[in-house]
C-alpha atoms as a PDB file:
ATOM      1  CA  MET A   1     112.173 101.504  36.012  1.00  0.00           C
ATOM      2  CA  ALA A   2     109.769 100.092  39.238  1.00  0.00           C
ATOM      3  CA  LYS A   3     107.674  97.529  38.765  1.00  0.00           C
ATOM      4  CA  VAL A   4     104.021  97.767  39.556  1.00  0.00           C
ATOM      5  CA  LYS A   5     102.418  95.606  41.299  1.00  0.00           C
ATOM      6  CA  SER A   6      99.237  94.059  40.583  1.00  0.00           C
ATOM      7  CA  LYS A   7      96.875  94.118  43.400  1.00  0.00           C
ATOM      8  CA  LYS A   8      94.720  91.196  43.288  1.00  0.00           C
ATOM      9  CA  LYS A   9      91.198  91.606  44.659  1.00  0.00           C
ATOM     10  CA  ILE A  10      90.251  89.428  47.247  1.00  0.00           C
ATOM     11  CA  LYS A  11      86.774  88.102  46.631  1.00  0.00           C
ATOM     12  CA  ARG A  12      84.486  88.309  50.092  1.00  0.00           C
ATOM     13  CA  ARG A  13      81.800  85.396  50.333  1.00  0.00           C
ATOM     14  CA  LYS A  14      78.356  85.901  52.427  1.00  0.00           C
ATOM     15  CA  ALA A  15      77.847  83.010  54.678  1.00  0.00           C
ATOM     16  CA  THR A  16      74.725  82.676  56.147  1.00  0.00           C
ATOM     17  CA  PHE A  17      74.354  81.306  59.886  1.00  0.00           C
ATOM     18  CA  SER A  18      71.147  79.920  61.166  1.00  0.00           C
ATOM     19  CA  PHE A  19      70.035  78.650  64.831  1.00  0.00           C
ATOM     20  CA  ASP A  20      66.457  77.231  65.664  1.00  0.00           C
ATOM     21  CA  SER A  21      65.388  78.342  68.729  1.00  0.00           C
ATOM     22  CA  SER A  22      61.943  79.378  68.777  1.00  0.00           C
ATOM     23  CA  ASP A  23      61.531  79.858  72.125  1.00  0.00           C
ATOM     24  CA  ALA A  24      64.730  82.061  72.251  1.00  0.00           C
ATOM     25  CA  LYS A  25      64.286  85.989  72.636  1.00  0.00           C
ATOM     26  CA  GLU A  26      67.552  87.392  71.548  1.00  0.00           C
ATOM     27  CA  VAL A  27      70.252  85.368  69.072  1.00  0.00           C
ATOM     28  CA  VAL A  28      73.644  86.588  68.484  1.00  0.00           C
ATOM     29  CA  LEU A  29      76.308  85.163  66.443  1.00  0.00           C
ATOM     30  CA  MET A  30      80.096  85.651  67.782  1.00  0.00           C
ATOM     31  CA  GLY A  31      83.144  84.677  66.439  1.00  0.00           C
ATOM     32  CA  ASP A  32      86.762  85.680  65.819  1.00  0.00           C
ATOM     33  CA  PHE A  33      85.415  87.638  62.675  1.00  0.00           C
ATOM     34  CA  ASN A  34      83.987  90.687  64.460  1.00  0.00           C
ATOM     35  CA  ASN A  35      85.982  90.390  67.729  1.00  0.00           C
ATOM     36  CA  TRP A  36      83.145  88.177  69.813  1.00  0.00           C
ATOM     37  CA  ASP A  37      81.198  91.475  69.530  1.00  0.00           C
ATOM     38  CA  PRO A  38      78.142  90.828  71.433  1.00  0.00           C
ATOM     39  CA  LYS A  39      76.009  94.320  69.241  1.00  0.00           C
ATOM     40  CA  LYS A  40      77.666  93.217  65.984  1.00  0.00           C
ATOM     41  CA  HIS A  41      75.726  90.903  64.708  1.00  0.00           C
ATOM     42  CA  LEU A  42      72.089  90.248  65.866  1.00  0.00           C
ATOM     43  CA  MET A  43      70.333  87.492  64.361  1.00  0.00           C
ATOM     44  CA  LYS A  44      66.322  87.949  63.474  1.00  0.00           C
ATOM     45  CA  LYS A  45      63.886  85.183  63.584  1.00  0.00           C
ATOM     46  CA  ASP A  46      61.753  84.371  60.907  1.00  0.00           C
ATOM     47  CA  GLY A  47      58.268  83.088  60.800  1.00  0.00           C
ATOM     48  CA  ASN A  48      59.486  79.530  61.853  1.00  0.00           C
ATOM     49  CA  GLY A  49      61.683  80.078  64.869  1.00  0.00           C
ATOM     50  CA  VAL A  50      65.030  79.787  62.922  1.00  0.00           C
ATOM     51  CA  TRP A  51      67.150  82.605  63.064  1.00  0.00           C
ATOM     52  CA  ASN A  52      69.294  83.677  60.474  1.00  0.00           C
ATOM     53  CA  LYS A  53      72.631  86.064  60.029  1.00  0.00           C
ATOM     54  CA  ALA A  54      74.875  86.719  56.442  1.00  0.00           C
ATOM     55  CA  VAL A  55      78.078  88.226  56.888  1.00  0.00           C
ATOM     56  CA  ILE A  56      80.546  89.295  54.245  1.00  0.00           C
ATOM     57  CA  LEU A  57      83.680  87.571  54.763  1.00  0.00           C
ATOM     58  CA  SER A  58      87.116  86.659  53.283  1.00  0.00           C
ATOM     59  CA  PRO A  59      88.533  83.302  52.186  1.00  0.00           C
ATOM     60  CA  GLY A  60      89.693  81.652  55.658  1.00  0.00           C
ATOM     61  CA  SER A  61      88.721  79.758  58.813  1.00  0.00           C
ATOM     62  CA  TYR A  62      87.073  81.323  61.320  1.00  0.00           C
ATOM     63  CA  GLU A  63      85.633  80.441  64.968  1.00  0.00           C
ATOM     64  CA  TYR A  64      82.495  81.108  65.976  1.00  0.00           C
ATOM     65  CA  LYS A  65      79.395  80.378  68.497  1.00  0.00           C
ATOM     66  CA  PHE A  66      75.953  81.535  69.006  1.00  0.00           C
ATOM     67  CA  LEU A  67      75.075  83.844  72.448  1.00  0.00           C
ATOM     68  CA  VAL A  68      71.498  82.747  73.276  1.00  0.00           C
ATOM     69  CA  ASP A  69      69.375  84.548  75.869  1.00  0.00           C
ATOM     70  CA  GLY A  70      72.699  84.868  77.960  1.00  0.00           C
ATOM     71  CA  GLN A  71      73.867  81.158  76.946  1.00  0.00           C
ATOM     72  CA  TRP A  72      76.685  80.104  74.933  1.00  0.00           C
ATOM     73  CA  LYS A  73      75.638  77.379  72.103  1.00  0.00           C
ATOM     74  CA  GLU A  74      77.481  75.327  69.188  1.00  0.00           C
ATOM     75  CA  ASP A  75      76.004  75.420  66.024  1.00  0.00           C
ATOM     76  CA  SER A  76      74.263  71.738  65.537  1.00  0.00           C
ATOM     77  CA  GLN A  77      74.179  72.247  62.050  1.00  0.00           C
ATOM     78  CA  ASN A  78      78.190  72.033  62.283  1.00  0.00           C
ATOM     79  CA  ASP A  79      80.098  69.548  63.100  1.00  0.00           C
ATOM     80  CA  GLN A  80      83.653  71.049  62.977  1.00  0.00           C
ATOM     81  CA  THR A  81      84.572  72.337  66.186  1.00  0.00           C
ATOM     82  CA  CYS A  82      87.758  73.157  68.517  1.00  0.00           C
ATOM     83  CA  LEU A  83      88.552  73.306  71.933  1.00  0.00           C
ATOM     84  CA  ASN A  84      88.495  77.260  72.932  1.00  0.00           C
ATOM     85  CA  CYS A  85      90.314  78.610  75.912  1.00  0.00           C
ATOM     86  CA  PHE A  86      87.428  77.731  78.311  1.00  0.00           C
ATOM     87  CA  GLY A  87      87.452  74.039  78.222  1.00  0.00           C
ATOM     88  CA  THR A  88      84.413  74.154  75.160  1.00  0.00           C
ATOM     89  CA  TYR A  89      84.036  74.349  71.624  1.00  0.00           C
ATOM     90  CA  ASN A  90      83.470  76.744  69.019  1.00  0.00           C
ATOM     91  CA  ASN A  91      82.538  75.462  65.730  1.00  0.00           C
ATOM     92  CA  ILE A  92      85.019  76.615  62.841  1.00  0.00           C
ATOM     93  CA  LEU A  93      83.648  77.542  59.595  1.00  0.00           C
ATOM     94  CA  ASN A  94      86.389  77.019  56.408  1.00  0.00           C
ATOM     95  CA  LEU A  95      85.888  80.026  53.487  1.00  0.00           C
ATOM     96  CA  THR A  96      87.807  78.928  50.589  1.00  0.00           C
ATOM     97  CA  VAL A  97      88.453  80.993  47.169  1.00  0.00           C
ATOM     98  CA  PRO A  98      85.730  80.288  44.808  1.00  0.00           C
END
């Protein structure tokens, strides 16, 4: 008789990203979780000039950066970084299993 493997469902978590820039016209969250696609995660500005975006991600380690009016910007609120292939830095988000 064959054994049935139980599949444990991976708990995905909400991660909220913020970028503070009252004078920016457009901010896009880009990372390896969205294949660095500039159309996937457009951020929205609140009344205080802070851009926000919440995404649902599986546990793991992710590299990301902000594209602000066509210019790459690091997340000043996150000091975890790694060198990328362009000689600049990406931020790292580590999501653990709850």
